[in-house]
Amino acid sequence: MVLVTIEILIYETVSLKMLKDWKLKLRYGRIETPYEHFTLIAPVIINQYIADFNAQPGKAYAAMKIWALNDEQSIEIFQSVADQTGFSIAGNIEIYKTEPENPPKENPFAYNINFSYYTE
């Protein structure tokens, strides 16, 4: 049992070190990317259950983190995710430049997609 705990602690330490390494490399130009990091939030309507996100039908705010060339492309990605997964945007999309949680890749992408439900 102690051995398992040690393995978990070592794994977490390595993961945190790897996380810090790519962020430092990105900050100091050792990793270069044409992309910027954004967080987008918008009110949405979920019409039917979305299994990939365990999202029930209803009104919610959708939030997602996106690596994109610019804010216009980040909106296009947000809309594309909405179209592909079955929710519709019901208001203005708020865009924020934020610190990334995941490193950039070769192509723009969205991650950490989540929904916060509300009632009127």
PDB file of N, CA and C in Angstrom:
ATOM      1  N   MET A   1       0.817  -1.187   0.000  1.00  0.00           N
ATOM      2  CA  MET A   1       0.000   0.000   0.000  1.00  0.00           C
ATOM      3  C   MET A   1       0.865   1.257   0.000  1.00  0.00           C
ATOM      4  N   VAL A   2       1.914   1.272   0.714  1.00  0.00           N
ATOM      5  CA  VAL A   2       2.819   2.418   0.731  1.00  0.00           C
ATOM      6  C   VAL A   2       3.442   2.602  -0.642  1.00  0.00           C
ATOM      7  N   LEU A   3       3.772   1.516  -1.300  1.00  0.00           N
ATOM      8  CA  LEU A   3       4.375   1.581  -2.621  1.00  0.00           C
ATOM      9  C   LEU A   3       3.463   2.288  -3.616  1.00  0.00           C
ATOM     10  N   VAL A   4       2.167   1.996  -3.578  1.00  0.00           N
ATOM     11  CA  VAL A   4       1.216   2.637  -4.474  1.00  0.00           C
ATOM     12  C   VAL A   4       1.169   4.132  -4.207  1.00  0.00           C
ATOM     13  N   THR A   5       1.146   4.520  -2.936  1.00  0.00           N
ATOM     14  CA  THR A   5       1.117   5.932  -2.572  1.00  0.00           C
ATOM     15  C   THR A   5       2.350   6.648  -3.099  1.00  0.00           C
ATOM     16  N   ILE A   6       3.494   6.039  -2.990  1.00  0.00           N
ATOM     17  CA  ILE A   6       4.735   6.646  -3.481  1.00  0.00           C
ATOM     18  C   ILE A   6       4.677   6.815  -4.995  1.00  0.00           C
ATOM     19  N   GLU A   7       4.171   5.799  -5.695  1.00  0.00           N
ATOM     20  CA  GLU A   7       4.061   5.906  -7.148  1.00  0.00           C
ATOM     21  C   GLU A   7       3.140   7.050  -7.544  1.00  0.00           C
ATOM     22  N   ILE A   8       2.050   7.209  -6.849  1.00  0.00           N
ATOM     23  CA  ILE A   8       1.118   8.297  -7.154  1.00  0.00           C
ATOM     24  C   ILE A   8       1.785   9.636  -6.901  1.00  0.00           C
ATOM     25  N   LEU A   9       2.481   9.774  -5.800  1.00  0.00           N
ATOM     26  CA  LEU A   9       3.161  11.027  -5.491  1.00  0.00           C
ATOM     27  C   LEU A   9       4.222  11.345  -6.528  1.00  0.00           C
ATOM     28  N   ILE A  10       4.971  10.349  -6.948  1.00  0.00           N
ATOM     29  CA  ILE A  10       6.000  10.571  -7.966  1.00  0.00           C
ATOM     30  C   ILE A  10       5.343  10.981  -9.279  1.00  0.00           C
ATOM     31  N   TYR A  11       4.259  10.318  -9.659  1.00  0.00           N
ATOM     32  CA  TYR A  11       3.560  10.656 -10.898  1.00  0.00           C
ATOM     33  C   TYR A  11       3.053  12.088 -10.846  1.00  0.00           C
ATOM     34  N   GLU A  12       2.450  12.489  -9.707  1.00  0.00           N
ATOM     35  CA  GLU A  12       1.944  13.856  -9.594  1.00  0.00           C
ATOM     36  C   GLU A  12       3.078  14.862  -9.682  1.00  0.00           C
ATOM     37  N   THR A  13       4.212  14.560  -9.079  1.00  0.00           N
ATOM     38  CA  THR A  13       5.357  15.459  -9.121  1.00  0.00           C
ATOM     39  C   THR A  13       5.866  15.608 -10.546  1.00  0.00           C
ATOM     40  N   VAL A  14       5.974  14.504 -11.268  1.00  0.00           N
ATOM     41  CA  VAL A  14       6.426  14.554 -12.658  1.00  0.00           C
ATOM     42  C   VAL A  14       5.444  15.342 -13.500  1.00  0.00           C
ATOM     43  N   SER A  15       4.146  15.116 -13.296  1.00  0.00           N
ATOM     44  CA  SER A  15       3.140  15.838 -14.071  1.00  0.00           C
ATOM     45  C   SER A  15       3.213  17.335 -13.809  1.00  0.00           C
ATOM     46  N   LEU A  16       3.373  17.721 -12.550  1.00  0.00           N
ATOM     47  CA  LEU A  16       3.481  19.135 -12.228  1.00  0.00           C
ATOM     48  C   LEU A  16       4.739  19.732 -12.827  1.00  0.00           C
ATOM     49  N   LYS A  17       5.848  18.977 -12.785  1.00  0.00           N
ATOM     50  CA  LYS A  17       7.101  19.465 -13.370  1.00  0.00           C
ATOM     51  C   LYS A  17       6.944  19.642 -14.874  1.00  0.00           C
ATOM     52  N   MET A  18       6.328  18.652 -15.543  1.00  0.00           N
ATOM     53  CA  MET A  18       6.115  18.767 -16.985  1.00  0.00           C
ATOM     54  C   MET A  18       5.227  19.965 -17.294  1.00  0.00           C
ATOM     55  N   LEU A  19       4.185  20.181 -16.475  1.00  0.00           N
ATOM     56  CA  LEU A  19       3.289  21.310 -16.665  1.00  0.00           C
ATOM     57  C   LEU A  19       4.055  22.617 -16.565  1.00  0.00           C
ATOM     58  N   LYS A  20       4.878  22.742 -15.545  1.00  0.00           N
ATOM     59  CA  LYS A  20       5.648  23.968 -15.366  1.00  0.00           C
ATOM     60  C   LYS A  20       6.660  24.139 -16.494  1.00  0.00           C
ATOM     61  N   ASP A  21       7.276  23.048 -16.931  1.00  0.00           N
ATOM     62  CA  ASP A  21       8.283  23.139 -17.986  1.00  0.00           C
ATOM     63  C   ASP A  21       7.718  23.726 -19.273  1.00  0.00           C
ATOM     64  N   TRP A  22       6.590  23.231 -19.757  1.00  0.00           N
ATOM     65  CA  TRP A  22       6.067  23.757 -21.035  1.00  0.00           C
ATOM     66  C   TRP A  22       5.620  25.196 -20.865  1.00  0.00           C
ATOM     67  N   LYS A  23       5.079  25.544 -19.697  1.00  0.00           N
ATOM     68  CA  LYS A  23       4.661  26.930 -19.489  1.00  0.00           C
ATOM     69  C   LYS A  23       5.860  27.874 -19.475  1.00  0.00           C
ATOM     70  N   LEU A  24       6.920  27.456 -18.823  1.00  0.00           N
ATOM     71  CA  LEU A  24       8.130  28.283 -18.798  1.00  0.00           C
ATOM     72  C   LEU A  24       8.746  28.389 -20.188  1.00  0.00           C
ATOM     73  N   LYS A  25       8.799  27.267 -20.892  1.00  0.00           N
ATOM     74  CA  LYS A  25       9.352  27.278 -22.253  1.00  0.00           C
ATOM     75  C   LYS A  25       8.532  28.176 -23.167  1.00  0.00           C
ATOM     76  N   LEU A  26       7.214  28.145 -23.013  1.00  0.00           N
ATOM     77  CA  LEU A  26       6.346  29.000 -23.818  1.00  0.00           C
ATOM     78  C   LEU A  26       6.572  30.468 -23.459  1.00  0.00           C
ATOM     79  N   ARG A  27       6.635  30.760 -22.173  1.00  0.00           N
ATOM     80  CA  ARG A  27       6.810  32.143 -21.714  1.00  0.00           C
ATOM     81  C   ARG A  27       8.124  32.741 -22.196  1.00  0.00           C
ATOM     82  N   TYR A  28       9.191  31.938 -22.202  1.00  0.00           N
ATOM     83  CA  TYR A  28      10.511  32.459 -22.554  1.00  0.00           C
ATOM     84  C   TYR A  28      10.944  32.136 -23.985  1.00  0.00           C
ATOM     85  N   GLY A  29       9.983  31.730 -24.818  1.00  0.00           N
ATOM     86  CA  GLY A  29      10.242  31.583 -26.241  1.00  0.00           C
ATOM     87  C   GLY A  29      10.932  30.306 -26.674  1.00  0.00           C
ATOM     88  N   ARG A  30      11.067  29.335 -25.788  1.00  0.00           N
ATOM     89  CA  ARG A  30      11.671  28.064 -26.198  1.00  0.00           C
ATOM     90  C   ARG A  30      10.657  27.193 -26.940  1.00  0.00           C
ATOM     91  N   ILE A  31       9.392  27.433 -26.684  1.00  0.00           N
ATOM     92  CA  ILE A  31       8.308  26.846 -27.469  1.00  0.00           C
ATOM     93  C   ILE A  31       7.639  28.022 -28.176  1.00  0.00           C
ATOM     94  N   GLU A  32       7.537  27.914 -29.479  1.00  0.00           N
ATOM     95  CA  GLU A  32       6.896  28.984 -30.237  1.00  0.00           C
ATOM     96  C   GLU A  32       5.589  28.468 -30.819  1.00  0.00           C
ATOM     97  N   THR A  33       4.611  29.349 -30.830  1.00  0.00           N
ATOM     98  CA  THR A  33       3.317  29.009 -31.404  1.00  0.00           C
ATOM     99  C   THR A  33       2.711  30.268 -32.017  1.00  0.00           C
ATOM    100  N   PRO A  34       2.010  30.119 -33.116  1.00  0.00           N
ATOM    101  CA  PRO A  34       1.331  31.285 -33.695  1.00  0.00           C
ATOM    102  C   PRO A  34       0.015  31.588 -32.970  1.00  0.00           C
ATOM    103  N   TYR A  35      -0.352  30.728 -31.999  1.00  0.00           N
ATOM    104  CA  TYR A  35      -1.661  30.830 -31.368  1.00  0.00           C
ATOM    105  C   TYR A  35      -1.634  31.617 -30.065  1.00  0.00           C
ATOM    106  N   GLU A  36      -2.802  32.177 -29.758  1.00  0.00           N
ATOM    107  CA  GLU A  36      -3.036  32.845 -28.486  1.00  0.00           C
ATOM    108  C   GLU A  36      -4.039  31.993 -27.709  1.00  0.00           C
ATOM    109  N   HIS A  37      -4.073  32.186 -26.402  1.00  0.00           N
ATOM    110  CA  HIS A  37      -4.984  31.395 -25.579  1.00  0.00           C
ATOM    111  C   HIS A  37      -6.155  32.252 -25.105  1.00  0.00           C
ATOM    112  N   PHE A  38      -7.364  31.709 -25.263  1.00  0.00           N
ATOM    113  CA  PHE A  38      -8.586  32.424 -24.904  1.00  0.00           C
ATOM    114  C   PHE A  38      -9.489  31.530 -24.058  1.00  0.00           C
ATOM    115  N   THR A  39     -10.317  32.172 -23.247  1.00  0.00           N
ATOM    116  CA  THR A  39     -11.438  31.501 -22.597  1.00  0.00           C
ATOM    117  C   THR A  39     -12.689  32.213 -23.089  1.00  0.00           C
ATOM    118  N   LEU A  40     -13.640  31.440 -23.596  1.00  0.00           N
ATOM    119  CA  LEU A  40     -14.892  31.998 -24.102  1.00  0.00           C
ATOM    120  C   LEU A  40     -16.053  31.497 -23.255  1.00  0.00           C
ATOM    121  N   ILE A  41     -16.992  32.400 -22.986  1.00  0.00           N
ATOM    122  CA  ILE A  41     -18.179  32.070 -22.196  1.00  0.00           C
ATOM    123  C   ILE A  41     -19.394  32.647 -22.908  1.00  0.00           C
ATOM    124  N   ALA A  42     -20.467  31.849 -22.993  1.00  0.00           N
ATOM    125  CA  ALA A  42     -21.698  32.323 -23.642  1.00  0.00           C
ATOM    126  C   ALA A  42     -22.904  31.582 -23.083  1.00  0.00           C
ATOM    127  N   PRO A  43     -24.050  32.261 -23.055  1.00  0.00           N
ATOM    128  CA  PRO A  43     -25.284  31.545 -22.701  1.00  0.00           C
ATOM    129  C   PRO A  43     -25.668  30.633 -23.866  1.00  0.00           C
ATOM    130  N   VAL A  44     -26.115  29.430 -23.516  1.00  0.00           N
ATOM    131  CA  VAL A  44     -26.471  28.454 -24.553  1.00  0.00           C
ATOM    132  C   VAL A  44     -27.761  27.741 -24.165  1.00  0.00           C
ATOM    133  N   ILE A  45     -28.339  27.106 -25.152  1.00  0.00           N
ATOM    134  CA  ILE A  45     -29.491  26.242 -24.928  1.00  0.00           C
ATOM    135  C   ILE A  45     -29.102  24.843 -25.391  1.00  0.00           C
ATOM    136  N   ILE A  46     -29.231  23.910 -24.485  1.00  0.00           N
ATOM    137  CA  ILE A  46     -28.930  22.508 -24.796  1.00  0.00           C
ATOM    138  C   ILE A  46     -30.278  21.830 -25.044  1.00  0.00           C
ATOM    139  N   ASN A  47     -30.508  21.401 -26.278  1.00  0.00           N
ATOM    140  CA  ASN A  47     -31.807  20.849 -26.656  1.00  0.00           C
ATOM    141  C   ASN A  47     -31.970  19.377 -26.320  1.00  0.00           C
ATOM    142  N   GLN A  48     -30.872  18.645 -26.342  1.00  0.00           N
ATOM    143  CA  GLN A  48     -30.937  17.222 -26.009  1.00  0.00           C
ATOM    144  C   GLN A  48     -29.656  16.822 -25.287  1.00  0.00           C
ATOM    145  N   TYR A  49     -29.723  15.714 -24.580  1.00  0.00           N
ATOM    146  CA  TYR A  49     -28.595  15.224 -23.797  1.00  0.00           C
ATOM    147  C   TYR A  49     -27.335  15.097 -24.667  1.00  0.00           C
ATOM    148  N   ILE A  50     -26.206  15.622 -24.180  1.00  0.00           N
ATOM    149  CA  ILE A  50     -24.925  15.518 -24.892  1.00  0.00           C
ATOM    150  C   ILE A  50     -24.039  14.576 -24.087  1.00  0.00           C
ATOM    151  N   ALA A  51     -23.939  13.349 -24.555  1.00  0.00           N
ATOM    152  CA  ALA A  51     -23.241  12.296 -23.808  1.00  0.00           C
ATOM    153  C   ALA A  51     -21.777  12.626 -23.545  1.00  0.00           C
ATOM    154  N   ASP A  52     -21.073  13.195 -24.516  1.00  0.00           N
ATOM    155  CA  ASP A  52     -19.648  13.475 -24.358  1.00  0.00           C
ATOM    156  C   ASP A  52     -19.354  14.411 -23.183  1.00  0.00           C
ATOM    157  N   PHE A  53     -20.326  15.263 -22.849  1.00  0.00           N
ATOM    158  CA  PHE A  53     -20.126  16.229 -21.762  1.00  0.00           C
ATOM    159  C   PHE A  53     -21.060  15.972 -20.581  1.00  0.00           C
ATOM    160  N   ASN A  54     -21.841  14.886 -20.660  1.00  0.00           N
ATOM    161  CA  ASN A  54     -22.832  14.581 -19.633  1.00  0.00           C
ATOM    162  C   ASN A  54     -23.725  15.808 -19.388  1.00  0.00           C
ATOM    163  N   ALA A  55     -24.119  16.474 -20.465  1.00  0.00           N
ATOM    164  CA  ALA A  55     -24.885  17.720 -20.396  1.00  0.00           C
ATOM    165  C   ALA A  55     -26.368  17.454 -20.629  1.00  0.00           C
ATOM    166  N   GLN A  56     -27.172  17.814 -19.652  1.00  0.00           N
ATOM    167  CA  GLN A  56     -28.617  17.643 -19.725  1.00  0.00           C
ATOM    168  C   GLN A  56     -29.244  18.808 -20.496  1.00  0.00           C
ATOM    169  N   PRO A  57     -30.418  18.627 -21.076  1.00  0.00           N
ATOM    170  CA  PRO A  57     -31.117  19.727 -21.743  1.00  0.00           C
ATOM    171  C   PRO A  57     -31.417  20.862 -20.768  1.00  0.00           C
ATOM    172  N   GLY A  58     -31.355  22.086 -21.277  1.00  0.00           N
ATOM    173  CA  GLY A  58     -31.672  23.242 -20.457  1.00  0.00           C
ATOM    174  C   GLY A  58     -30.864  24.459 -20.853  1.00  0.00           C
ATOM    175  N   LYS A  59     -30.997  25.515 -20.048  1.00  0.00           N
ATOM    176  CA  LYS A  59     -30.247  26.749 -20.276  1.00  0.00           C
ATOM    177  C   LYS A  59     -28.989  26.715 -19.425  1.00  0.00           C
ATOM    178  N   ALA A  60     -27.882  27.111 -20.035  1.00  0.00           N
ATOM    179  CA  ALA A  60     -26.603  27.066 -19.320  1.00  0.00           C
ATOM    180  C   ALA A  60     -25.656  28.109 -19.894  1.00  0.00           C
ATOM    181  N   TYR A  61     -24.594  28.338 -19.165  1.00  0.00           N
ATOM    182  CA  TYR A  61     -23.464  29.073 -19.713  1.00  0.00           C
ATOM    183  C   TYR A  61     -22.437  28.034 -20.113  1.00  0.00           C
ATOM    184  N   ALA A  62     -21.976  28.121 -21.346  1.00  0.00           N
ATOM    185  CA  ALA A  62     -20.914  27.229 -21.817  1.00  0.00           C
ATOM    186  C   ALA A  62     -19.604  27.992 -21.720  1.00  0.00           C
ATOM    187  N   ALA A  63     -18.590  27.317 -21.255  1.00  0.00           N
ATOM    188  CA  ALA A  63     -17.249  27.898 -21.187  1.00  0.00           C
ATOM    189  C   ALA A  63     -16.283  26.917 -21.818  1.00  0.00           C
ATOM    190  N   MET A  64     -15.331  27.440 -22.536  1.00  0.00           N
ATOM    191  CA  MET A  64     -14.282  26.587 -23.097  1.00  0.00           C
ATOM    192  C   MET A  64     -13.012  27.382 -23.274  1.00  0.00           C
ATOM    193  N   LYS A  65     -11.916  26.668 -23.166  1.00  0.00           N
ATOM    194  CA  LYS A  65     -10.598  27.253 -23.377  1.00  0.00           C
ATOM    195  C   LYS A  65     -10.186  26.907 -24.795  1.00  0.00           C
ATOM    196  N   ILE A  66      -9.560  27.870 -25.472  1.00  0.00           N
ATOM    197  CA  ILE A  66      -9.266  27.690 -26.897  1.00  0.00           C
ATOM    198  C   ILE A  66      -7.898  28.263 -27.235  1.00  0.00           C
ATOM    199  N   TRP A  67      -7.122  27.490 -27.971  1.00  0.00           N
ATOM    200  CA  TRP A  67      -5.911  27.985 -28.626  1.00  0.00           C
ATOM    201  C   TRP A  67      -6.319  28.355 -30.049  1.00  0.00           C
ATOM    202  N   ALA A  68      -6.114  29.608 -30.449  1.00  0.00           N
ATOM    203  CA  ALA A  68      -6.510  30.069 -31.787  1.00  0.00           C
ATOM    204  C   ALA A  68      -5.583  31.186 -32.246  1.00  0.00           C
ATOM    205  N   LEU A  69      -5.620  31.491 -33.537  1.00  0.00           N
ATOM    206  CA  LEU A  69      -4.793  32.563 -34.089  1.00  0.00           C
ATOM    207  C   LEU A  69      -5.193  33.933 -33.558  1.00  0.00           C
ATOM    208  N   ASN A  70      -6.513  34.138 -33.362  1.00  0.00           N
ATOM    209  CA  ASN A  70      -7.010  35.430 -32.891  1.00  0.00           C
ATOM    210  C   ASN A  70      -8.407  35.241 -32.315  1.00  0.00           C
ATOM    211  N   ASP A  71      -8.993  36.335 -31.816  1.00  0.00           N
ATOM    212  CA  ASP A  71     -10.309  36.222 -31.195  1.00  0.00           C
ATOM    213  C   ASP A  71     -11.387  35.810 -32.198  1.00  0.00           C
ATOM    214  N   GLU A  72     -11.266  36.229 -33.444  1.00  0.00           N
ATOM    215  CA  GLU A  72     -12.250  35.833 -34.460  1.00  0.00           C
ATOM    216  C   GLU A  72     -12.239  34.316 -34.671  1.00  0.00           C
ATOM    217  N   GLN A  73     -11.044  33.745 -34.767  1.00  0.00           N
ATOM    218  CA  GLN A  73     -10.963  32.298 -34.948  1.00  0.00           C
ATOM    219  C   GLN A  73     -11.468  31.564 -33.704  1.00  0.00           C
ATOM    220  N   SER A  74     -11.239  32.122 -32.516  1.00  0.00           N
ATOM    221  CA  SER A  74     -11.729  31.473 -31.299  1.00  0.00           C
ATOM    222  C   SER A  74     -13.260  31.421 -31.298  1.00  0.00           C
ATOM    223  N   ILE A  75     -13.908  32.466 -31.803  1.00  0.00           N
ATOM    224  CA  ILE A  75     -15.374  32.471 -31.909  1.00  0.00           C
ATOM    225  C   ILE A  75     -15.833  31.404 -32.903  1.00  0.00           C
ATOM    226  N   GLU A  76     -15.129  31.294 -34.039  1.00  0.00           N
ATOM    227  CA  GLU A  76     -15.468  30.264 -35.024  1.00  0.00           C
ATOM    228  C   GLU A  76     -15.364  28.866 -34.423  1.00  0.00           C
ATOM    229  N   ILE A  77     -14.325  28.624 -33.627  1.00  0.00           N
ATOM    230  CA  ILE A  77     -14.153  27.320 -32.986  1.00  0.00           C
ATOM    231  C   ILE A  77     -15.281  27.068 -31.992  1.00  0.00           C
ATOM    232  N   PHE A  78     -15.631  28.092 -31.195  1.00  0.00           N
ATOM    233  CA  PHE A  78     -16.734  27.967 -30.237  1.00  0.00           C
ATOM    234  C   PHE A  78     -18.019  27.589 -30.966  1.00  0.00           C
ATOM    235  N   GLN A  79     -18.316  28.296 -32.068  1.00  0.00           N
ATOM    236  CA  GLN A  79     -19.522  28.019 -32.843  1.00  0.00           C
ATOM    237  C   GLN A  79     -19.476  26.622 -33.458  1.00  0.00           C
ATOM    238  N   SER A  80     -18.303  26.208 -33.915  1.00  0.00           N
ATOM    239  CA  SER A  80     -18.151  24.884 -34.495  1.00  0.00           C
ATOM    240  C   SER A  80     -18.411  23.788 -33.452  1.00  0.00           C
ATOM    241  N   VAL A  81     -17.888  23.975 -32.255  1.00  0.00           N
ATOM    242  CA  VAL A  81     -18.138  23.006 -31.176  1.00  0.00           C
ATOM    243  C   VAL A  81     -19.631  22.954 -30.884  1.00  0.00           C
ATOM    244  N   ALA A  82     -20.274  24.105 -30.822  1.00  0.00           N
ATOM    245  CA  ALA A  82     -21.725  24.150 -30.582  1.00  0.00           C
ATOM    246  C   ALA A  82     -22.477  23.371 -31.661  1.00  0.00           C
ATOM    247  N   ASP A  83     -22.131  23.609 -32.917  1.00  0.00           N
ATOM    248  CA  ASP A  83     -22.796  22.922 -34.029  1.00  0.00           C
ATOM    249  C   ASP A  83     -22.568  21.417 -33.984  1.00  0.00           C
ATOM    250  N   GLN A  84     -21.358  21.001 -33.677  1.00  0.00           N
ATOM    251  CA  GLN A  84     -21.013  19.581 -33.684  1.00  0.00           C
ATOM    252  C   GLN A  84     -21.582  18.818 -32.494  1.00  0.00           C
ATOM    253  N   THR A  85     -21.794  19.506 -31.374  1.00  0.00           N
ATOM    254  CA  THR A  85     -22.222  18.795 -30.172  1.00  0.00           C
ATOM    255  C   THR A  85     -23.703  18.956 -29.863  1.00  0.00           C
ATOM    256  N   GLY A  86     -24.385  19.901 -30.490  1.00  0.00           N
ATOM    257  CA  GLY A  86     -25.828  19.983 -30.335  1.00  0.00           C
ATOM    258  C   GLY A  86     -26.338  21.004 -29.339  1.00  0.00           C
ATOM    259  N   PHE A  87     -25.609  22.086 -29.120  1.00  0.00           N
ATOM    260  CA  PHE A  87     -26.183  23.174 -28.340  1.00  0.00           C
ATOM    261  C   PHE A  87     -26.158  24.436 -29.177  1.00  0.00           C
ATOM    262  N   SER A  88     -27.039  25.379 -28.857  1.00  0.00           N
ATOM    263  CA  SER A  88     -27.099  26.614 -29.638  1.00  0.00           C
ATOM    264  C   SER A  88     -26.740  27.799 -28.745  1.00  0.00           C
ATOM    265  N   ILE A  89     -26.046  28.748 -29.327  1.00  0.00           N
ATOM    266  CA  ILE A  89     -25.609  29.943 -28.614  1.00  0.00           C
ATOM    267  C   ILE A  89     -26.811  30.880 -28.515  1.00  0.00           C
ATOM    268  N   ALA A  90     -27.112  31.348 -27.288  1.00  0.00           N
ATOM    269  CA  ALA A  90     -28.327  32.120 -27.046  1.00  0.00           C
ATOM    270  C   ALA A  90     -28.052  33.572 -26.673  1.00  0.00           C
ATOM    271  N   GLY A  91     -26.833  34.037 -26.875  1.00  0.00           N
ATOM    272  CA  GLY A  91     -26.507  35.412 -26.513  1.00  0.00           C
ATOM    273  C   GLY A  91     -25.099  35.761 -26.942  1.00  0.00           C
ATOM    274  N   ASN A  92     -24.582  36.814 -26.349  1.00  0.00           N
ATOM    275  CA  ASN A  92     -23.232  37.284 -26.692  1.00  0.00           C
ATOM    276  C   ASN A  92     -22.154  36.347 -26.150  1.00  0.00           C
ATOM    277  N   ILE A  93     -21.090  36.218 -26.918  1.00  0.00           N
ATOM    278  CA  ILE A  93     -19.935  35.432 -26.488  1.00  0.00           C
ATOM    279  C   ILE A  93     -18.927  36.385 -25.860  1.00  0.00           C
ATOM    280  N   GLU A  94     -18.542  36.083 -24.631  1.00  0.00           N
ATOM    281  CA  GLU A  94     -17.510  36.866 -23.953  1.00  0.00           C
ATOM    282  C   GLU A  94     -16.162  36.208 -24.206  1.00  0.00           C
ATOM    283  N   ILE A  95     -15.156  37.028 -24.543  1.00  0.00           N
ATOM    284  CA  ILE A  95     -13.831  36.504 -24.876  1.00  0.00           C
ATOM    285  C   ILE A  95     -12.810  37.107 -23.920  1.00  0.00           C
ATOM    286  N   TYR A  96     -11.987  36.242 -23.345  1.00  0.00           N
ATOM    287  CA  TYR A  96     -10.932  36.684 -22.438  1.00  0.00           C
ATOM    288  C   TYR A  96      -9.611  36.041 -22.849  1.00  0.00           C
ATOM    289  N   LYS A  97      -8.539  36.812 -22.856  1.00  0.00           N
ATOM    290  CA  LYS A  97      -7.209  36.234 -23.023  1.00  0.00           C
ATOM    291  C   LYS A  97      -6.801  35.702 -21.661  1.00  0.00           C
ATOM    292  N   THR A  98      -6.461  34.428 -21.607  1.00  0.00           N
ATOM    293  CA  THR A  98      -6.171  33.780 -20.330  1.00  0.00           C
ATOM    294  C   THR A  98      -4.907  32.940 -20.388  1.00  0.00           C
ATOM    295  N   GLU A  99      -4.434  32.565 -19.216  1.00  0.00           N
ATOM    296  CA  GLU A  99      -3.294  31.656 -19.112  1.00  0.00           C
ATOM    297  C   GLU A  99      -3.760  30.248 -19.484  1.00  0.00           C
ATOM    298  N   PRO A 100      -2.994  29.532 -20.272  1.00  0.00           N
ATOM    299  CA  PRO A 100      -3.399  28.184 -20.681  1.00  0.00           C
ATOM    300  C   PRO A 100      -3.209  27.154 -19.572  1.00  0.00           C
ATOM    301  N   GLU A 101      -4.017  26.106 -19.635  1.00  0.00           N
ATOM    302  CA  GLU A 101      -3.857  24.951 -18.766  1.00  0.00           C
ATOM    303  C   GLU A 101      -3.241  23.787 -19.522  1.00  0.00           C
ATOM    304  N   ASN A 102      -3.407  23.791 -20.845  1.00  0.00           N
ATOM    305  CA  ASN A 102      -2.827  22.765 -21.717  1.00  0.00           C
ATOM    306  C   ASN A 102      -1.924  23.437 -22.731  1.00  0.00           C
ATOM    307  N   PRO A 103      -0.874  22.754 -23.152  1.00  0.00           N
ATOM    308  CA  PRO A 103       0.049  23.356 -24.123  1.00  0.00           C
ATOM    309  C   PRO A 103      -0.583  23.471 -25.514  1.00  0.00           C
ATOM    310  N   PRO A 104      -0.041  24.366 -26.339  1.00  0.00           N
ATOM    311  CA  PRO A 104      -0.540  24.480 -27.711  1.00  0.00           C
ATOM    312  C   PRO A 104      -0.173  23.237 -28.513  1.00  0.00           C
ATOM    313  N   LYS A 105      -0.904  23.046 -29.601  1.00  0.00           N
ATOM    314  CA  LYS A 105      -0.628  21.936 -30.524  1.00  0.00           C
ATOM    315  C   LYS A 105      -0.366  22.527 -31.901  1.00  0.00           C
ATOM    316  N   GLU A 106      -0.269  21.659 -32.892  1.00  0.00           N
ATOM    317  CA  GLU A 106      -0.011  22.128 -34.260  1.00  0.00           C
ATOM    318  C   GLU A 106      -1.183  22.904 -34.835  1.00  0.00           C
ATOM    319  N   ASN A 107      -2.401  22.575 -34.410  1.00  0.00           N
ATOM    320  CA  ASN A 107      -3.604  23.210 -34.935  1.00  0.00           C
ATOM    321  C   ASN A 107      -4.401  23.837 -33.797  1.00  0.00           C
ATOM    322  N   PRO A 108      -5.251  24.812 -34.114  1.00  0.00           N
ATOM    323  CA  PRO A 108      -6.119  25.395 -33.083  1.00  0.00           C
ATOM    324  C   PRO A 108      -7.040  24.312 -32.506  1.00  0.00           C
ATOM    325  N   PHE A 109      -7.402  24.463 -31.219  1.00  0.00           N
ATOM    326  CA  PHE A 109      -8.299  23.483 -30.616  1.00  0.00           C
ATOM    327  C   PHE A 109      -8.955  24.058 -29.368  1.00  0.00           C
ATOM    328  N   ALA A 110     -10.043  23.405 -28.965  1.00  0.00           N
ATOM    329  CA  ALA A 110     -10.771  23.768 -27.748  1.00  0.00           C
ATOM    330  C   ALA A 110     -10.626  22.633 -26.744  1.00  0.00           C
ATOM    331  N   TYR A 111     -10.656  22.996 -25.463  1.00  0.00           N
ATOM    332  CA  TYR A 111     -10.601  21.991 -24.399  1.00  0.00           C
ATOM    333  C   TYR A 111     -11.283  22.543 -23.153  1.00  0.00           C
ATOM    334  N   ASN A 112     -11.432  21.691 -22.147  1.00  0.00           N
ATOM    335  CA  ASN A 112     -12.101  22.059 -20.886  1.00  0.00           C
ATOM    336  C   ASN A 112     -13.467  22.696 -21.151  1.00  0.00           C
ATOM    337  N   ILE A 113     -14.275  22.012 -21.934  1.00  0.00           N
ATOM    338  CA  ILE A 113     -15.621  22.499 -22.255  1.00  0.00           C
ATOM    339  C   ILE A 113     -16.551  22.101 -21.115  1.00  0.00           C
ATOM    340  N   ASN A 114     -17.240  23.090 -20.543  1.00  0.00           N
ATOM    341  CA  ASN A 114     -18.154  22.767 -19.454  1.00  0.00           C
ATOM    342  C   ASN A 114     -19.381  23.671 -19.483  1.00  0.00           C
ATOM    343  N   PHE A 115     -20.399  23.233 -18.745  1.00  0.00           N
ATOM    344  CA  PHE A 115     -21.677  23.934 -18.715  1.00  0.00           C
ATOM    345  C   PHE A 115     -22.077  24.235 -17.274  1.00  0.00           C
ATOM    346  N   SER A 116     -22.569  25.455 -17.033  1.00  0.00           N
ATOM    347  CA  SER A 116     -23.120  25.858 -15.733  1.00  0.00           C
ATOM    348  C   SER A 116     -24.567  26.257 -15.973  1.00  0.00           C
ATOM    349  N   TYR A 117     -25.481  25.496 -15.403  1.00  0.00           N
ATOM    350  CA  TYR A 117     -26.911  25.708 -15.650  1.00  0.00           C
ATOM    351  C   TYR A 117     -27.454  26.872 -14.840  1.00  0.00           C
ATOM    352  N   TYR A 118     -28.503  27.501 -15.363  1.00  0.00           N
ATOM    353  CA  TYR A 118     -29.171  28.594 -14.661  1.00  0.00           C
ATOM    354  C   TYR A 118     -30.648  28.575 -14.983  1.00  0.00           C
ATOM    355  N   THR A 119     -31.435  29.243 -14.156  1.00  0.00           N
ATOM    356  CA  THR A 119     -32.851  29.433 -14.412  1.00  0.00           C
ATOM    357  C   THR A 119     -33.154  30.927 -14.376  1.00  0.00           C
ATOM    358  N   GLU A 120     -34.175  31.302 -15.106  1.00  0.00           N
ATOM    359  CA  GLU A 120     -34.542  32.722 -15.152  1.00  0.00           C
ATOM    360  C   GLU A 120     -35.673  33.020 -14.216  1.00  0.00           C
TER     361      GLU A 120
END
